[in-house]
């Protein structure tokens, strides 16, 4: 999974590519936690995600 983050004027856009599963979900979680205190708005673009696991994460 690749995550590209763009921040401008307290607006954060994440572009995610690949698979989000039990192995990679923690990477996305960490990236989101890094901006929650500084971003007024967060948008996540899942257009290039080909799989999202529905399994519960225990991270």
PDB file of N, CA and C in Angstrom:
ATOM      1  N   UNK A   1       0.845  -1.169   0.000  1.00  0.00           N
ATOM      2  CA  UNK A   1       0.000   0.000   0.000  1.00  0.00           C
ATOM      3  C   UNK A   1       0.891   1.233   0.000  1.00  0.00           C
ATOM      4  N   UNK A   2       0.503   2.217  -0.769  1.00  0.00           N
ATOM      5  CA  UNK A   2       1.185   3.510  -0.799  1.00  0.00           C
ATOM      6  C   UNK A   2       0.206   4.591  -0.353  1.00  0.00           C
ATOM      7  N   UNK A   3       0.693   5.492   0.496  1.00  0.00           N
ATOM      8  CA  UNK A   3      -0.113   6.614   0.953  1.00  0.00           C
ATOM      9  C   UNK A   3       0.645   7.892   0.631  1.00  0.00           C
ATOM     10  N   UNK A   4       0.001   8.766  -0.120  1.00  0.00           N
ATOM     11  CA  UNK A   4       0.576  10.069  -0.432  1.00  0.00           C
ATOM     12  C   UNK A   4      -0.243  11.119   0.301  1.00  0.00           C
ATOM     13  N   UNK A   5       0.442  11.979   1.038  1.00  0.00           N
ATOM     14  CA  UNK A   5      -0.233  12.999   1.844  1.00  0.00           C
ATOM     15  C   UNK A   5       0.106  14.375   1.298  1.00  0.00           C
ATOM     16  N   UNK A   6      -0.922  15.197   1.106  1.00  0.00           N
ATOM     17  CA  UNK A   6      -0.751  16.573   0.681  1.00  0.00           C
ATOM     18  C   UNK A   6      -1.450  17.466   1.705  1.00  0.00           C
ATOM     19  N   UNK A   7      -0.716  18.429   2.254  1.00  0.00           N
ATOM     20  CA  UNK A   7      -1.289  19.348   3.245  1.00  0.00           C
ATOM     21  C   UNK A   7      -1.135  20.771   2.734  1.00  0.00           C
ATOM     22  N   UNK A   8      -2.252  21.507   2.736  1.00  0.00           N
ATOM     23  CA  UNK A   8      -2.239  22.899   2.312  1.00  0.00           C
ATOM     24  C   UNK A   8      -3.335  23.639   3.051  1.00  0.00           C
ATOM     25  N   UNK A   9      -2.979  24.714   3.728  1.00  0.00           N
ATOM     26  CA  UNK A   9      -3.955  25.537   4.454  1.00  0.00           C
ATOM     27  C   UNK A   9      -4.825  24.715   5.396  1.00  0.00           C
ATOM     28  N   UNK A  10      -4.202  23.849   6.195  1.00  0.00           N
ATOM     29  CA  UNK A  10      -4.900  22.993   7.165  1.00  0.00           C
ATOM     30  C   UNK A  10      -5.894  22.023   6.533  1.00  0.00           C
ATOM     31  N   UNK A  11      -5.729  21.752   5.251  1.00  0.00           N
ATOM     32  CA  UNK A  11      -6.530  20.745   4.555  1.00  0.00           C
ATOM     33  C   UNK A  11      -5.576  19.639   4.140  1.00  0.00           C
ATOM     34  N   UNK A  12      -5.921  18.410   4.511  1.00  0.00           N
ATOM     35  CA  UNK A  12      -5.059  17.266   4.210  1.00  0.00           C
ATOM     36  C   UNK A  12      -5.789  16.306   3.273  1.00  0.00           C
ATOM     37  N   UNK A  13      -5.102  15.921   2.213  1.00  0.00           N
ATOM     38  CA  UNK A  13      -5.651  14.956   1.263  1.00  0.00           C
ATOM     39  C   UNK A  13      -4.717  13.752   1.230  1.00  0.00           C
ATOM     40  N   UNK A  14      -5.279  12.578   1.496  1.00  0.00           N
ATOM     41  CA  UNK A  14      -4.551  11.329   1.406  1.00  0.00           C
ATOM     42  C   UNK A  14      -4.974  10.609   0.136  1.00  0.00           C
ATOM     43  N   UNK A  15      -4.022  10.203  -0.660  1.00  0.00           N
ATOM     44  CA  UNK A  15      -4.289   9.352  -1.816  1.00  0.00           C
ATOM     45  C   UNK A  15      -3.710   7.985  -1.491  1.00  0.00           C
ATOM     46  N   UNK A  16      -4.581   6.988  -1.457  1.00  0.00           N
ATOM     47  CA  UNK A  16      -4.183   5.646  -1.060  1.00  0.00           C
ATOM     48  C   UNK A  16      -4.217   4.751  -2.297  1.00  0.00           C
ATOM     49  N   UNK A  17      -3.199   3.893  -2.416  1.00  0.00           N
ATOM     50  CA  UNK A  17      -3.101   3.002  -3.565  1.00  0.00           C
ATOM     51  C   UNK A  17      -2.718   1.603  -3.081  1.00  0.00           C
ATOM     52  N   UNK A  18      -3.396   0.595  -3.600  1.00  0.00           N
ATOM     53  CA  UNK A  18      -3.065  -0.787  -3.269  1.00  0.00           C
ATOM     54  C   UNK A  18      -4.115  -1.435  -2.390  1.00  0.00           C
ATOM     55  N   UNK A  19      -3.662  -2.271  -1.459  1.00  0.00           N
ATOM     56  CA  UNK A  19      -4.543  -3.047  -0.592  1.00  0.00           C
ATOM     57  C   UNK A  19      -4.505  -2.503   0.836  1.00  0.00           C
ATOM     58  N   UNK A  20      -5.673  -2.439   1.461  1.00  0.00           N
ATOM     59  CA  UNK A  20      -5.754  -2.102   2.876  1.00  0.00           C
ATOM     60  C   UNK A  20      -6.214  -3.371   3.582  1.00  0.00           C
ATOM     61  N   UNK A  21      -5.295  -3.957   4.340  1.00  0.00           N
ATOM     62  CA  UNK A  21      -5.591  -5.206   5.038  1.00  0.00           C
ATOM     63  C   UNK A  21      -4.989  -5.161   6.428  1.00  0.00           C
ATOM     64  N   UNK A  22      -4.981  -6.285   7.115  1.00  0.00           N
ATOM     65  CA  UNK A  22      -4.499  -6.312   8.499  1.00  0.00           C
ATOM     66  C   UNK A  22      -3.024  -5.943   8.617  1.00  0.00           C
ATOM     67  N   UNK A  23      -2.265  -6.107   7.562  1.00  0.00           N
ATOM     68  CA  UNK A  23      -0.845  -5.759   7.580  1.00  0.00           C
ATOM     69  C   UNK A  23      -0.645  -4.264   7.320  1.00  0.00           C
ATOM     70  N   UNK A  24      -1.378  -3.694   6.384  1.00  0.00           N
ATOM     71  CA  UNK A  24      -1.145  -2.315   5.954  1.00  0.00           C
ATOM     72  C   UNK A  24      -2.027  -1.277   6.649  1.00  0.00           C
ATOM     73  N   UNK A  25      -3.099  -1.701   7.287  1.00  0.00           N
ATOM     74  CA  UNK A  25      -4.026  -0.729   7.887  1.00  0.00           C
ATOM     75  C   UNK A  25      -3.364   0.129   8.955  1.00  0.00           C
ATOM     76  N   UNK A  26      -2.385  -0.416   9.662  1.00  0.00           N
ATOM     77  CA  UNK A  26      -1.708   0.372  10.695  1.00  0.00           C
ATOM     78  C   UNK A  26      -0.924   1.535  10.087  1.00  0.00           C
ATOM     79  N   UNK A  27      -0.432   1.381   8.862  1.00  0.00           N
ATOM     80  CA  UNK A  27       0.272   2.477   8.180  1.00  0.00           C
ATOM     81  C   UNK A  27      -0.678   3.635   7.915  1.00  0.00           C
ATOM     82  N   UNK A  28      -1.868   3.320   7.430  1.00  0.00           N
ATOM     83  CA  UNK A  28      -2.859   4.362   7.158  1.00  0.00           C
ATOM     84  C   UNK A  28      -3.320   5.002   8.468  1.00  0.00           C
ATOM     85  N   UNK A  29      -3.532   4.188   9.479  1.00  0.00           N
ATOM     86  CA  UNK A  29      -3.937   4.692  10.787  1.00  0.00           C
ATOM     87  C   UNK A  29      -2.914   5.679  11.335  1.00  0.00           C
ATOM     88  N   UNK A  30      -1.651   5.343  11.261  1.00  0.00           N
ATOM     89  CA  UNK A  30      -0.586   6.225  11.761  1.00  0.00           C
ATOM     90  C   UNK A  30      -0.534   7.533  10.969  1.00  0.00           C
ATOM     91  N   UNK A  31      -0.661   7.437   9.648  1.00  0.00           N
ATOM     92  CA  UNK A  31      -0.634   8.638   8.806  1.00  0.00           C
ATOM     93  C   UNK A  31      -1.787   9.575   9.171  1.00  0.00           C
ATOM     94  N   UNK A  32      -2.966   9.010   9.441  1.00  0.00           N
ATOM     95  CA  UNK A  32      -4.117   9.827   9.822  1.00  0.00           C
ATOM     96  C   UNK A  32      -3.914  10.469  11.192  1.00  0.00           C
ATOM     97  N   UNK A  33      -3.361   9.712  12.134  1.00  0.00           N
ATOM     98  CA  UNK A  33      -3.128  10.249  13.481  1.00  0.00           C
ATOM     99  C   UNK A  33      -2.155  11.422  13.464  1.00  0.00           C
ATOM    100  N   UNK A  34      -1.229  11.422  12.519  1.00  0.00           N
ATOM    101  CA  UNK A  34      -0.236  12.494  12.440  1.00  0.00           C
ATOM    102  C   UNK A  34      -0.836  13.843  12.078  1.00  0.00           C
ATOM    103  N   UNK A  35      -2.003  13.861  11.449  1.00  0.00           N
ATOM    104  CA  UNK A  35      -2.582  15.135  11.001  1.00  0.00           C
ATOM    105  C   UNK A  35      -3.885  15.512  11.690  1.00  0.00           C
ATOM    106  N   UNK A  36      -4.423  14.655  12.531  1.00  0.00           N
ATOM    107  CA  UNK A  36      -5.730  14.960  13.121  1.00  0.00           C
ATOM    108  C   UNK A  36      -5.732  16.222  13.974  1.00  0.00           C
ATOM    109  N   UNK A  37      -4.612  16.559  14.583  1.00  0.00           N
ATOM    110  CA  UNK A  37      -4.558  17.761  15.421  1.00  0.00           C
ATOM    111  C   UNK A  37      -4.311  19.044  14.631  1.00  0.00           C
ATOM    112  N   UNK A  38      -3.796  18.919  13.409  1.00  0.00           N
ATOM    113  CA  UNK A  38      -3.455  20.122  12.644  1.00  0.00           C
ATOM    114  C   UNK A  38      -4.381  20.391  11.467  1.00  0.00           C
ATOM    115  N   UNK A  39      -5.103  19.366  11.030  1.00  0.00           N
ATOM    116  CA  UNK A  39      -5.944  19.531   9.836  1.00  0.00           C
ATOM    117  C   UNK A  39      -7.371  19.898  10.227  1.00  0.00           C
ATOM    118  N   UNK A  40      -7.916  20.889   9.532  1.00  0.00           N
ATOM    119  CA  UNK A  40      -9.328  21.233   9.706  1.00  0.00           C
ATOM    120  C   UNK A  40     -10.216  20.309   8.886  1.00  0.00           C
ATOM    121  N   UNK A  41      -9.644  19.754   7.811  1.00  0.00           N
ATOM    122  CA  UNK A  41     -10.382  18.883   6.903  1.00  0.00           C
ATOM    123  C   UNK A  41      -9.454  17.784   6.407  1.00  0.00           C
ATOM    124  N   UNK A  42      -9.959  16.553   6.380  1.00  0.00           N
ATOM    125  CA  UNK A  42      -9.195  15.417   5.861  1.00  0.00           C
ATOM    126  C   UNK A  42     -10.035  14.717   4.809  1.00  0.00           C
ATOM    127  N   UNK A  43      -9.450  14.519   3.639  1.00  0.00           N
ATOM    128  CA  UNK A  43     -10.101  13.790   2.555  1.00  0.00           C
ATOM    129  C   UNK A  43      -9.230  12.586   2.218  1.00  0.00           C
ATOM    130  N   UNK A  44      -9.868  11.432   2.039  1.00  0.00           N
ATOM    131  CA  UNK A  44      -9.135  10.225   1.670  1.00  0.00           C
ATOM    132  C   UNK A  44      -9.639   9.755   0.316  1.00  0.00           C
ATOM    133  N   UNK A  45      -8.735   9.680  -0.651  1.00  0.00           N
ATOM    134  CA  UNK A  45      -9.059   9.235  -2.000  1.00  0.00           C
ATOM    135  C   UNK A  45      -8.748   7.744  -2.110  1.00  0.00           C
ATOM    136  N   UNK A  46      -9.789   6.921  -2.214  1.00  0.00           N
ATOM    137  CA  UNK A  46      -9.646   5.474  -2.326  1.00  0.00           C
ATOM    138  C   UNK A  46      -9.746   4.985  -3.773  1.00  0.00           C
ATOM    139  N   UNK A  47      -9.674   5.870  -4.742  1.00  0.00           N
ATOM    140  CA  UNK A  47      -9.882   5.496  -6.150  1.00  0.00           C
ATOM    141  C   UNK A  47      -8.926   4.403  -6.623  1.00  0.00           C
ATOM    142  N   UNK A  48      -7.713   4.365  -6.075  1.00  0.00           N
ATOM    143  CA  UNK A  48      -6.729   3.371  -6.522  1.00  0.00           C
ATOM    144  C   UNK A  48      -6.555   2.222  -5.529  1.00  0.00           C
ATOM    145  N   UNK A  49      -7.507   2.087  -4.605  1.00  0.00           N
ATOM    146  CA  UNK A  49      -7.480   0.955  -3.670  1.00  0.00           C
ATOM    147  C   UNK A  49      -8.251  -0.187  -4.303  1.00  0.00           C
ATOM    148  N   UNK A  50      -7.592  -1.349  -4.420  1.00  0.00           N
ATOM    149  CA  UNK A  50      -8.259  -2.483  -5.058  1.00  0.00           C
ATOM    150  C   UNK A  50      -8.813  -3.497  -4.066  1.00  0.00           C
ATOM    151  N   UNK A  51      -8.553  -3.287  -2.760  1.00  0.00           N
ATOM    152  CA  UNK A  51      -9.063  -4.215  -1.754  1.00  0.00           C
ATOM    153  C   UNK A  51      -9.052  -3.526  -0.390  1.00  0.00           C
ATOM    154  N   UNK A  52     -10.152  -3.647   0.342  1.00  0.00           N
ATOM    155  CA  UNK A  52     -10.223  -3.187   1.732  1.00  0.00           C
ATOM    156  C   UNK A  52     -10.760  -4.353   2.557  1.00  0.00           C
ATOM    157  N   UNK A  53      -9.977  -4.801   3.520  1.00  0.00           N
ATOM    158  CA  UNK A  53     -10.389  -5.906   4.376  1.00  0.00           C
ATOM    159  C   UNK A  53     -11.505  -5.450   5.309  1.00  0.00           C
ATOM    160  N   UNK A  54     -12.442  -6.333   5.559  1.00  0.00           N
ATOM    161  CA  UNK A  54     -13.514  -6.019   6.506  1.00  0.00           C
ATOM    162  C   UNK A  54     -13.222  -6.600   7.890  1.00  0.00           C
ATOM    163  N   UNK A  55     -12.077  -7.248   8.048  1.00  0.00           N
ATOM    164  CA  UNK A  55     -11.696  -7.814   9.333  1.00  0.00           C
ATOM    165  C   UNK A  55     -11.409  -6.719  10.334  1.00  0.00           C
ATOM    166  N   UNK A  56     -11.749  -6.953  11.574  1.00  0.00           N
ATOM    167  CA  UNK A  56     -11.492  -5.980  12.631  1.00  0.00           C
ATOM    168  C   UNK A  56     -10.014  -5.914  12.938  1.00  0.00           C
ATOM    169  N   UNK A  57      -9.503  -4.702  13.105  1.00  0.00           N
ATOM    170  CA  UNK A  57      -8.095  -4.505  13.444  1.00  0.00           C
ATOM    171  C   UNK A  57      -7.968  -4.361  14.946  1.00  0.00           C
ATOM    172  N   UNK A  58      -6.971  -4.976  15.519  1.00  0.00           N
ATOM    173  CA  UNK A  58      -6.742  -4.913  16.958  1.00  0.00           C
ATOM    174  C   UNK A  58      -5.469  -4.131  17.276  1.00  0.00           C
ATOM    175  N   UNK A  59      -5.097  -3.200  16.400  1.00  0.00           N
ATOM    176  CA  UNK A  59      -3.849  -2.452  16.574  1.00  0.00           C
ATOM    177  C   UNK A  59      -3.925  -1.455  17.687  1.00  0.00           C
TER     178      UNK A  59
END
